[in-house]
N, C-alpha and C. Protein backbone atom coordinates (compact mmCIF):
# COMPACT_ATOMS: atom_id res chain seq x y z
N MET A 1 47.98 107.95 47.13
CA MET A 1 48.24 106.76 47.36
C MET A 1 47.65 106.03 48.58
N GLY A 2 47.41 104.72 48.75
CA GLY A 2 46.64 103.72 50.06
C GLY A 2 47.38 103.47 50.78
N GLY A 3 47.73 102.16 50.96
CA GLY A 3 48.14 101.70 52.30
C GLY A 3 47.50 101.79 53.77
N ILE A 4 48.30 101.63 54.85
CA ILE A 4 47.49 101.99 55.75
C ILE A 4 48.11 103.74 56.03
N ARG A 5 46.75 104.48 56.47
CA ARG A 5 47.03 105.57 56.57
C ARG A 5 47.63 106.05 58.09
N ARG A 6 46.74 104.75 59.34
CA ARG A 6 46.14 105.00 60.51
C ARG A 6 45.86 103.65 60.66
N VAL A 7 46.88 103.40 62.35
CA VAL A 7 46.76 102.20 62.52
C VAL A 7 47.06 102.56 64.66
N VAL A 8 45.98 101.33 65.71
CA VAL A 8 46.23 102.40 66.53
C VAL A 8 45.90 100.91 67.55
N LEU A 9 46.93 100.41 68.34
CA LEU A 9 47.50 99.76 68.57
C LEU A 9 47.22 99.51 70.43
N ASP A 10 46.83 98.46 70.48
CA ASP A 10 46.64 97.95 71.83
C ASP A 10 48.39 97.40 72.62
N VAL A 11 49.08 98.02 73.01
CA VAL A 11 50.51 97.33 73.18
C VAL A 11 50.80 97.03 75.01
N ASP A 12 51.65 96.01 75.62
CA ASP A 12 52.35 96.36 77.00
C ASP A 12 53.84 96.05 76.26
N ILE A 13 54.54 97.40 77.45
CA ILE A 13 56.11 96.72 76.75
C ILE A 13 56.76 97.06 78.56
N PRO A 14 57.71 96.20 78.60
CA PRO A 14 58.06 96.37 79.61
C PRO A 14 58.43 97.88 80.51
N SER A 15 58.32 97.85 81.51
CA SER A 15 58.24 99.29 82.41
C SER A 15 59.35 100.31 82.68
N ASN A 16 60.49 99.45 82.12
CA ASN A 16 61.45 99.81 81.78
C ASN A 16 62.62 100.17 80.27
N ILE A 17 61.44 100.04 79.81
CA ILE A 17 61.65 100.61 78.06
C ILE A 17 61.26 102.14 78.19
N SER A 18 61.98 103.07 77.36
CA SER A 18 61.35 104.22 77.06
C SER A 18 60.29 104.86 76.34
N THR A 19 59.44 104.94 76.48
CA THR A 19 58.55 105.12 75.68
C THR A 19 58.93 106.44 74.52
N VAL A 20 59.57 107.72 75.07
CA VAL A 20 60.24 108.62 74.39
C VAL A 20 61.79 107.94 73.18
N GLU A 21 62.10 106.35 73.84
CA GLU A 21 62.92 106.10 72.31
C GLU A 21 61.64 105.25 71.59
N LEU A 22 60.74 104.56 72.15
CA LEU A 22 59.80 103.18 71.21
C LEU A 22 59.62 104.92 70.19
N ALA A 23 59.12 105.63 70.80
CA ALA A 23 57.92 106.70 69.81
C ALA A 23 59.01 107.24 68.50
N GLU A 24 60.81 107.52 68.74
CA GLU A 24 61.27 107.71 68.14
C GLU A 24 62.06 106.67 66.82
N LYS A 25 61.89 105.39 67.56
CA LYS A 25 62.34 103.90 66.54
C LYS A 25 60.71 103.94 65.33
N LEU A 26 60.02 104.00 66.05
CA LEU A 26 58.59 103.77 65.53
C LEU A 26 58.71 105.09 64.43
N GLY A 27 59.37 106.11 65.13
CA GLY A 27 59.23 107.42 63.68
C GLY A 27 59.87 106.88 62.55
N ARG A 28 60.97 106.29 62.59
CA ARG A 28 61.68 106.33 61.59
C ARG A 28 61.36 104.74 60.96
N VAL A 29 60.24 104.01 61.19
CA VAL A 29 59.40 102.93 60.26
C VAL A 29 59.12 103.91 58.67
N SER A 30 59.62 103.29 58.02
CA SER A 30 59.05 103.51 56.61
C SER A 30 57.57 104.14 56.59
N GLY A 31 57.17 104.86 55.67
CA GLY A 31 55.78 105.26 55.38
C GLY A 31 55.30 105.93 57.14
N VAL A 32 56.02 106.25 58.28
CA VAL A 32 55.47 106.95 59.29
C VAL A 32 55.46 108.58 59.47
N LYS A 33 54.45 108.70 59.71
CA LYS A 33 54.91 110.53 59.44
C LYS A 33 54.44 111.10 60.53
N ALA A 34 53.69 110.36 62.06
CA ALA A 34 53.43 110.84 63.53
C ALA A 34 53.23 109.44 63.68
N VAL A 35 53.16 109.37 65.38
CA VAL A 35 53.43 108.32 66.75
C VAL A 35 52.66 109.65 67.91
N ASN A 36 51.85 109.13 68.26
CA ASN A 36 51.17 108.81 69.66
C ASN A 36 51.54 108.17 70.27
N ILE A 37 52.34 107.90 71.47
CA ILE A 37 51.80 107.23 72.73
C ILE A 37 51.45 107.46 73.90
N THR A 38 50.35 107.01 74.48
CA THR A 38 49.65 107.27 75.10
C THR A 38 49.84 106.42 76.04
N VAL A 39 50.67 106.57 77.52
CA VAL A 39 50.36 105.49 78.80
C VAL A 39 49.05 105.49 79.53
N THR A 40 48.46 104.39 79.30
CA THR A 40 46.74 103.69 80.01
C THR A 40 46.85 103.32 81.57
N ASP A 41 48.06 103.07 81.22
CA ASP A 41 48.19 101.73 82.44
C ASP A 41 49.82 101.60 82.87
N THR A 42 49.96 101.30 84.16
CA THR A 42 51.02 101.28 84.72
C THR A 42 51.10 99.86 86.10
N ASP A 43 52.74 99.42 86.28
CA ASP A 43 52.83 98.40 87.22
C ASP A 43 53.72 98.34 87.57
N VAL A 44 54.35 97.53 87.46
CA VAL A 44 55.68 97.60 88.17
C VAL A 44 56.75 96.85 87.31
N GLU A 45 55.90 95.55 86.39
CA GLU A 45 56.90 95.15 85.44
C GLU A 45 56.21 95.53 83.97
N VAL A 46 55.27 96.14 83.84
CA VAL A 46 54.62 96.45 82.47
C VAL A 46 54.07 97.57 82.39
N LEU A 47 53.82 98.55 81.14
CA LEU A 47 53.22 99.52 80.85
C LEU A 47 52.55 99.49 79.97
N GLY A 48 51.09 100.10 80.15
CA GLY A 48 49.22 99.56 79.04
C GLY A 48 49.95 101.00 77.67
N LEU A 49 49.87 100.35 77.01
CA LEU A 49 50.53 101.41 76.16
C LEU A 49 49.42 101.77 74.76
N ILE A 50 48.88 103.19 74.49
CA ILE A 50 48.03 103.12 72.96
C ILE A 50 48.78 103.62 72.16
N ILE A 51 49.07 103.03 71.01
CA ILE A 51 50.04 103.59 70.47
C ILE A 51 49.41 104.37 69.23
N VAL A 52 49.45 105.29 68.24
CA VAL A 52 48.69 106.00 67.48
C VAL A 52 49.77 106.07 66.32
N ILE A 53 49.62 105.45 65.13
CA ILE A 53 50.14 105.68 64.02
C ILE A 53 49.66 105.92 62.38
N GLU A 54 50.26 107.15 62.18
CA GLU A 54 49.84 107.85 60.34
C GLU A 54 50.68 107.99 59.60
N GLY A 55 50.45 107.78 58.78
CA GLY A 55 51.39 107.95 57.84
C GLY A 55 50.91 107.66 56.36
N ASP A 56 51.28 107.43 55.44
CA ASP A 56 51.34 106.78 53.98
C ASP A 56 51.97 105.49 53.93
N GLY A 57 50.71 104.76 53.87
CA GLY A 57 52.03 103.69 53.66
C GLY A 57 52.83 102.93 54.50
N VAL A 58 51.64 103.30 56.21
CA VAL A 58 53.11 102.51 56.82
C VAL A 58 53.31 100.81 56.73
N ASP A 59 54.36 100.29 57.00
CA ASP A 59 54.91 99.31 56.87
C ASP A 59 54.30 99.11 58.63
N TYR A 60 53.52 97.71 58.71
CA TYR A 60 52.88 97.30 59.81
C TYR A 60 53.48 95.90 60.55
N ASP A 61 55.02 95.38 59.30
CA ASP A 61 55.23 94.53 59.79
C ASP A 61 56.44 95.12 60.15
N GLY A 62 56.84 96.70 59.56
CA GLY A 62 57.99 96.91 60.24
C GLY A 62 57.83 97.81 61.69
N VAL A 63 56.78 98.05 62.46
CA VAL A 63 55.91 98.59 63.29
C VAL A 63 55.67 97.51 64.53
N ARG A 64 55.38 96.16 63.94
CA ARG A 64 55.62 95.13 65.28
C ARG A 64 56.58 94.14 65.27
N ARG A 65 57.83 94.51 64.40
CA ARG A 65 59.31 94.29 64.60
C ARG A 65 59.63 95.14 66.10
N ILE A 66 59.20 96.32 65.95
CA ILE A 66 60.46 97.27 66.92
C ILE A 66 59.66 96.65 67.93
N ILE A 67 58.00 97.16 68.56
CA ILE A 67 57.50 96.76 69.45
C ILE A 67 58.24 95.31 69.96
N GLU A 68 57.82 93.94 69.39
CA GLU A 68 58.09 93.16 69.83
C GLU A 68 60.05 93.17 70.42
N ASP A 69 60.21 93.86 69.38
CA ASP A 69 62.61 94.10 69.57
C ASP A 69 62.88 94.39 71.13
N SER A 70 61.13 95.45 71.53
CA SER A 70 61.29 95.91 72.62
C SER A 70 61.29 95.12 73.47
N GLY A 71 60.54 93.87 73.38
CA GLY A 71 60.45 93.21 74.13
C GLY A 71 58.54 93.47 74.47
N GLY A 72 57.91 94.64 73.34
CA GLY A 72 56.56 94.88 74.19
C GLY A 72 55.35 93.30 73.64
N ALA A 73 54.15 93.65 73.50
CA ALA A 73 53.87 92.73 73.21
C ALA A 73 52.13 94.14 72.81
N ILE A 74 51.37 92.98 71.37
CA ILE A 74 51.04 93.76 70.74
C ILE A 74 49.39 92.92 71.74
N ARG A 75 48.60 93.68 72.13
CA ARG A 75 47.14 93.03 72.45
C ARG A 75 45.86 92.80 71.35
N SER A 76 46.19 94.02 70.83
CA SER A 76 44.95 94.34 70.05
C SER A 76 45.50 95.52 69.02
N VAL A 77 44.82 95.29 67.79
CA VAL A 77 44.95 96.30 66.94
C VAL A 77 43.23 96.95 66.61
N ASP A 78 43.37 98.05 67.53
CA ASP A 78 42.21 98.38 67.86
C ASP A 78 41.60 98.95 66.64
N GLN A 79 41.98 100.32 65.67
CA GLN A 79 42.10 100.43 64.40
C GLN A 79 43.05 100.50 63.60
N VAL A 80 42.57 100.23 62.49
CA VAL A 80 43.04 100.02 61.00
C VAL A 80 42.14 101.23 59.68
N VAL A 81 43.05 102.43 58.57
CA VAL A 81 42.20 102.50 58.00
C VAL A 81 43.52 102.92 57.43
N VAL A 82 42.88 101.85 55.66
CA VAL A 82 43.47 102.62 54.42
C VAL A 82 42.91 103.47 53.74
N GLY A 83 43.80 103.60 52.05
CA GLY A 83 43.58 103.99 51.64
C GLY A 83 43.65 105.51 51.64
N GLU A 84 42.58 106.21 50.39
CA GLU A 84 42.92 107.54 49.28
C GLU A 84 43.39 108.60 51.11
N TYR A 85 42.44 108.60 52.10
CA TYR A 85 42.80 109.90 53.11
C TYR A 85 42.21 109.13 54.65
N ILE A 86 42.02 109.38 55.87
CA ILE A 86 41.49 109.20 56.71
C ILE A 86 39.89 109.57 57.32
N LEU A 87 39.73 108.21 57.02
CA LEU A 87 38.05 108.21 56.68
C LEU A 87 37.77 107.85 58.54
N GLU A 88 37.37 109.35 58.80
CA GLU A 88 36.92 109.03 60.42
C GLU A 88 35.22 108.26 60.57
N ILE A 89 35.35 107.98 62.27
CA ILE A 89 33.91 108.07 62.04
C ILE A 89 33.06 108.25 63.95
N ASN A 90 32.30 107.92 63.51
CA ASN A 90 31.71 109.05 64.90
C ASN A 90 31.57 108.41 65.94
N PRO A 91 32.57 108.72 66.68
CA PRO A 91 32.58 108.36 67.80
C PRO A 91 31.48 107.41 68.69
N GLN A 92 29.40 108.30 68.16
CA GLN A 92 28.94 107.73 68.78
C GLN A 92 28.08 106.26 68.38
N LEU A 93 28.33 106.33 66.83
CA LEU A 93 28.20 105.11 66.32
C LEU A 93 28.50 103.36 67.13
N ILE A 94 30.15 103.99 67.88
CA ILE A 94 30.41 102.50 68.65
C ILE A 94 30.03 102.82 69.69
N ARG A 95 29.39 104.04 70.46
CA ARG A 95 28.83 102.83 71.83
C ARG A 95 27.60 103.50 71.48
N GLU A 96 26.48 103.78 70.71
CA GLU A 96 25.12 102.92 70.45
C GLU A 96 25.43 100.81 70.62
N ARG A 97 26.59 100.67 70.14
CA ARG A 97 26.37 99.15 69.96
C ARG A 97 26.01 98.26 71.37
């Protein structure tokens, strides 16, 4: 089956939002099999997050809605993998650019 297999998002959320609860909500989105949330920046009012979501036919609109309904904003989509399998890229190729 095709569809979104992985999406990596750079997200800002209000600091009063629980990352555990956000991960649980994202884990219930159609097609999602795994969620990883890493805090990359903390401020009094905002947390910077990298959110990695993997699955089979991930409902991106559902993911976006949950983030936005939680008061968050997607700053960028840093990676999207679509297709029959997850295609990995050599990080060295990115650093050489």
